[in-house]
Amino acid sequence: MKKTNGDRPHKKIQARGRDLIALTGFLVLCLAVAAAGGAVTATSLGNWYAELVKPSFNPPNGVFGPVWTTLYVMIAVAGWRVWCRRSEPGARSALIAWGVQLALTSPGRSYSSAPA
């Protein structure tokens, strides 16, 4: 006779749904930071970047959007993976570090590398 544990499959489905909602939240947060950063960068660059003498290995401008988007998706997934293990030792510190690094890449920071 096969043993069953009451509502265990139901709890597994709830947990999976909660994890997917959390992943969506992490993705929305990170992509919002990326979009805001892109908007700030696009309005603050002016012509100075286009006029720079760049090395031959400089990637074309069209590459930056997909690459930065991919990086922010990876940042979101990394944060979500730590969040999924939030009960383990060190997870709280890791999530704090994740939040700090995300805040440091946010558009609220001063982009002082652009000439005035």
C-alpha atoms as a PDB file:
ATOM      1  CA  MET A   1       0.000   0.000   0.000  1.00  0.00           C
ATOM      2  CA  LYS A   2       1.338   3.413  -1.020  1.00  0.00           C
ATOM      3  CA  LYS A   3       1.733   6.015   1.709  1.00  0.00           C
ATOM      4  CA  THR A   4       0.440   9.498   1.022  1.00  0.00           C
ATOM      5  CA  ASN A   5       1.023  12.645   2.958  1.00  0.00           C
ATOM      6  CA  GLY A   6      -2.258  14.560   2.933  1.00  0.00           C
ATOM      7  CA  ASP A   7      -1.801  17.920   1.268  1.00  0.00           C
ATOM      8  CA  ARG A   8       1.919  17.674   0.436  1.00  0.00           C
ATOM      9  CA  PRO A   9       1.499  18.021  -3.379  1.00  0.00           C
ATOM     10  CA  HIS A  10      -0.723  21.038  -2.761  1.00  0.00           C
ATOM     11  CA  LYS A  11       1.980  22.707  -0.634  1.00  0.00           C
ATOM     12  CA  LYS A  12       4.588  21.956  -3.309  1.00  0.00           C
ATOM     13  CA  ILE A  13       2.433  23.660  -5.943  1.00  0.00           C
ATOM     14  CA  GLN A  14       1.898  26.656  -3.642  1.00  0.00           C
ATOM     15  CA  ALA A  15       5.633  26.925  -3.022  1.00  0.00           C
ATOM     16  CA  ARG A  16       6.395  26.709  -6.736  1.00  0.00           C
ATOM     17  CA  GLY A  17       3.799  29.403  -7.464  1.00  0.00           C
ATOM     18  CA  ARG A  18       5.253  31.632  -4.744  1.00  0.00           C
ATOM     19  CA  ASP A  19       8.734  31.099  -6.196  1.00  0.00           C
ATOM     20  CA  LEU A  20       7.540  32.075  -9.682  1.00  0.00           C
ATOM     21  CA  ILE A  21       5.864  35.197  -8.328  1.00  0.00           C
ATOM     22  CA  ALA A  22       9.085  36.077  -6.513  1.00  0.00           C
ATOM     23  CA  LEU A  23      11.126  35.508  -9.686  1.00  0.00           C
ATOM     24  CA  THR A  24       8.752  37.809 -11.555  1.00  0.00           C
ATOM     25  CA  GLY A  25       9.222  40.433  -8.842  1.00  0.00           C
ATOM     26  CA  PHE A  26      13.011  40.178  -9.018  1.00  0.00           C
ATOM     27  CA  LEU A  27      12.889  40.447 -12.833  1.00  0.00           C
ATOM     28  CA  VAL A  28      10.561  43.465 -12.758  1.00  0.00           C
ATOM     29  CA  LEU A  29      12.712  45.226 -10.171  1.00  0.00           C
ATOM     30  CA  CYS A  30      15.989  44.616 -11.990  1.00  0.00           C
ATOM     31  CA  LEU A  31      14.637  45.444 -15.439  1.00  0.00           C
ATOM     32  CA  ALA A  32      13.072  48.644 -14.057  1.00  0.00           C
ATOM     33  CA  VAL A  33      16.490  49.665 -12.700  1.00  0.00           C
ATOM     34  CA  ALA A  34      18.044  48.795 -16.070  1.00  0.00           C
ATOM     35  CA  ALA A  35      15.433  50.797 -17.994  1.00  0.00           C
ATOM     36  CA  ALA A  36      15.780  53.805 -15.713  1.00  0.00           C
ATOM     37  CA  GLY A  37      19.552  53.614 -15.980  1.00  0.00           C
ATOM     38  CA  GLY A  38      19.317  53.408 -19.756  1.00  0.00           C
ATOM     39  CA  ALA A  39      17.046  56.441 -19.863  1.00  0.00           C
ATOM     40  CA  VAL A  40      19.384  58.475 -17.654  1.00  0.00           C
ATOM     41  CA  THR A  41      22.413  57.399 -19.669  1.00  0.00           C
ATOM     42  CA  ALA A  42      20.754  58.151 -23.003  1.00  0.00           C
ATOM     43  CA  THR A  43      19.910  61.703 -21.918  1.00  0.00           C
ATOM     44  CA  SER A  44      23.266  62.412 -20.258  1.00  0.00           C
ATOM     45  CA  LEU A  45      25.690  61.188 -22.901  1.00  0.00           C
ATOM     46  CA  GLY A  46      25.153  63.929 -25.439  1.00  0.00           C
ATOM     47  CA  ASN A  47      27.650  63.833 -28.293  1.00  0.00           C
ATOM     48  CA  TRP A  48      30.807  63.359 -26.247  1.00  0.00           C
ATOM     49  CA  TYR A  49      30.676  59.547 -26.318  1.00  0.00           C
ATOM     50  CA  ALA A  50      30.062  59.376 -30.051  1.00  0.00           C
ATOM     51  CA  GLU A  51      33.022  61.700 -30.634  1.00  0.00           C
ATOM     52  CA  LEU A  52      35.459  59.636 -28.549  1.00  0.00           C
ATOM     53  CA  VAL A  53      38.263  57.888 -30.381  1.00  0.00           C
ATOM     54  CA  LYS A  54      37.545  54.265 -29.555  1.00  0.00           C
ATOM     55  CA  PRO A  55      39.799  51.216 -29.896  1.00  0.00           C
ATOM     56  CA  SER A  56      39.245  48.773 -32.741  1.00  0.00           C
ATOM     57  CA  PHE A  57      37.798  46.159 -30.362  1.00  0.00           C
ATOM     58  CA  ASN A  58      35.018  48.496 -29.163  1.00  0.00           C
ATOM     59  CA  PRO A  59      31.698  46.690 -29.737  1.00  0.00           C
ATOM     60  CA  PRO A  60      29.033  48.301 -31.912  1.00  0.00           C
ATOM     61  CA  ASN A  61      26.450  50.447 -30.098  1.00  0.00           C
ATOM     62  CA  GLY A  62      23.635  47.978 -30.857  1.00  0.00           C
ATOM     63  CA  VAL A  63      25.264  45.351 -28.647  1.00  0.00           C
ATOM     64  CA  PHE A  64      24.998  47.330 -25.404  1.00  0.00           C
ATOM     65  CA  GLY A  65      21.208  47.070 -24.950  1.00  0.00           C
ATOM     66  CA  PRO A  66      20.966  43.267 -25.247  1.00  0.00           C
ATOM     67  CA  VAL A  67      24.112  42.722 -23.177  1.00  0.00           C
ATOM     68  CA  TRP A  68      22.978  45.004 -20.328  1.00  0.00           C
ATOM     69  CA  THR A  69      19.496  43.456 -20.401  1.00  0.00           C
ATOM     70  CA  THR A  70      21.021  39.988 -20.145  1.00  0.00           C
ATOM     71  CA  LEU A  71      23.222  41.109 -17.249  1.00  0.00           C
ATOM     72  CA  TYR A  72      20.246  42.539 -15.338  1.00  0.00           C
ATOM     73  CA  VAL A  73      18.228  39.350 -15.935  1.00  0.00           C
ATOM     74  CA  MET A  74      21.166  37.389 -14.514  1.00  0.00           C
ATOM     75  CA  ILE A  75      21.287  39.752 -11.518  1.00  0.00           C
ATOM     76  CA  ALA A  76      17.552  39.118 -10.962  1.00  0.00           C
ATOM     77  CA  VAL A  77      17.965  35.349 -11.173  1.00  0.00           C
ATOM     78  CA  ALA A  78      20.903  35.470  -8.757  1.00  0.00           C
ATOM     79  CA  GLY A  79      18.872  37.438  -6.210  1.00  0.00           C
ATOM     80  CA  TRP A  80      15.906  35.129  -6.636  1.00  0.00           C
ATOM     81  CA  ARG A  81      18.060  32.029  -6.141  1.00  0.00           C
ATOM     82  CA  VAL A  82      19.362  33.424  -2.860  1.00  0.00           C
ATOM     83  CA  TRP A  83      15.807  34.389  -1.855  1.00  0.00           C
ATOM     84  CA  CYS A  84      14.704  30.782  -2.483  1.00  0.00           C
ATOM     85  CA  ARG A  85      17.280  29.704   0.114  1.00  0.00           C
ATOM     86  CA  ARG A  86      16.557  32.557   2.514  1.00  0.00           C
ATOM     87  CA  SER A  87      16.320  30.227   5.501  1.00  0.00           C
ATOM     88  CA  GLU A  88      19.924  29.085   5.120  1.00  0.00           C
ATOM     89  CA  PRO A  89      22.805  30.709   7.018  1.00  0.00           C
ATOM     90  CA  GLY A  90      24.294  33.677   5.208  1.00  0.00           C
ATOM     91  CA  ALA A  91      21.298  34.201   2.918  1.00  0.00           C
ATOM     92  CA  ARG A  92      20.227  37.403   4.672  1.00  0.00           C
ATOM     93  CA  SER A  93      23.698  38.925   4.261  1.00  0.00           C
ATOM     94  CA  ALA A  94      23.779  37.830   0.634  1.00  0.00           C
ATOM     95  CA  LEU A  95      20.386  39.453  -0.055  1.00  0.00           C
ATOM     96  CA  ILE A  96      21.535  42.659   1.629  1.00  0.00           C
ATOM     97  CA  ALA A  97      24.684  42.672  -0.529  1.00  0.00           C
ATOM     98  CA  TRP A  98      22.528  42.000  -3.601  1.00  0.00           C
ATOM     99  CA  GLY A  99      20.263  44.952  -2.744  1.00  0.00           C
ATOM    100  CA  VAL A 100      23.230  47.243  -2.121  1.00  0.00           C
ATOM    101  CA  GLN A 101      24.817  46.409  -5.468  1.00  0.00           C
ATOM    102  CA  LEU A 102      21.489  46.934  -7.236  1.00  0.00           C
ATOM    103  CA  ALA A 103      21.108  50.314  -5.518  1.00  0.00           C
ATOM    104  CA  LEU A 104      24.629  51.254  -6.580  1.00  0.00           C
ATOM    105  CA  THR A 105      23.725  50.589 -10.221  1.00  0.00           C
ATOM    106  CA  SER A 106      20.466  52.533  -9.999  1.00  0.00           C
ATOM    107  CA  PRO A 107      19.977  55.773 -11.967  1.00  0.00           C
ATOM    108  CA  GLY A 108      19.758  57.819  -8.787  1.00  0.00           C
ATOM    109  CA  ARG A 109      23.533  57.713  -8.594  1.00  0.00           C
ATOM    110  CA  SER A 110      25.589  60.525 -10.031  1.00  0.00           C
ATOM    111  CA  TYR A 111      27.182  59.672 -13.354  1.00  0.00           C
ATOM    112  CA  SER A 112      30.241  61.848 -12.917  1.00  0.00           C
ATOM    113  CA  SER A 113      32.224  60.226 -15.739  1.00  0.00           C
ATOM    114  CA  ALA A 114      30.385  62.370 -18.301  1.00  0.00           C
ATOM    115  CA  PRO A 115      31.936  65.747 -18.946  1.00  0.00           C
ATOM    116  CA  ALA A 116      29.791  68.705 -17.881  1.00  0.00           C
END
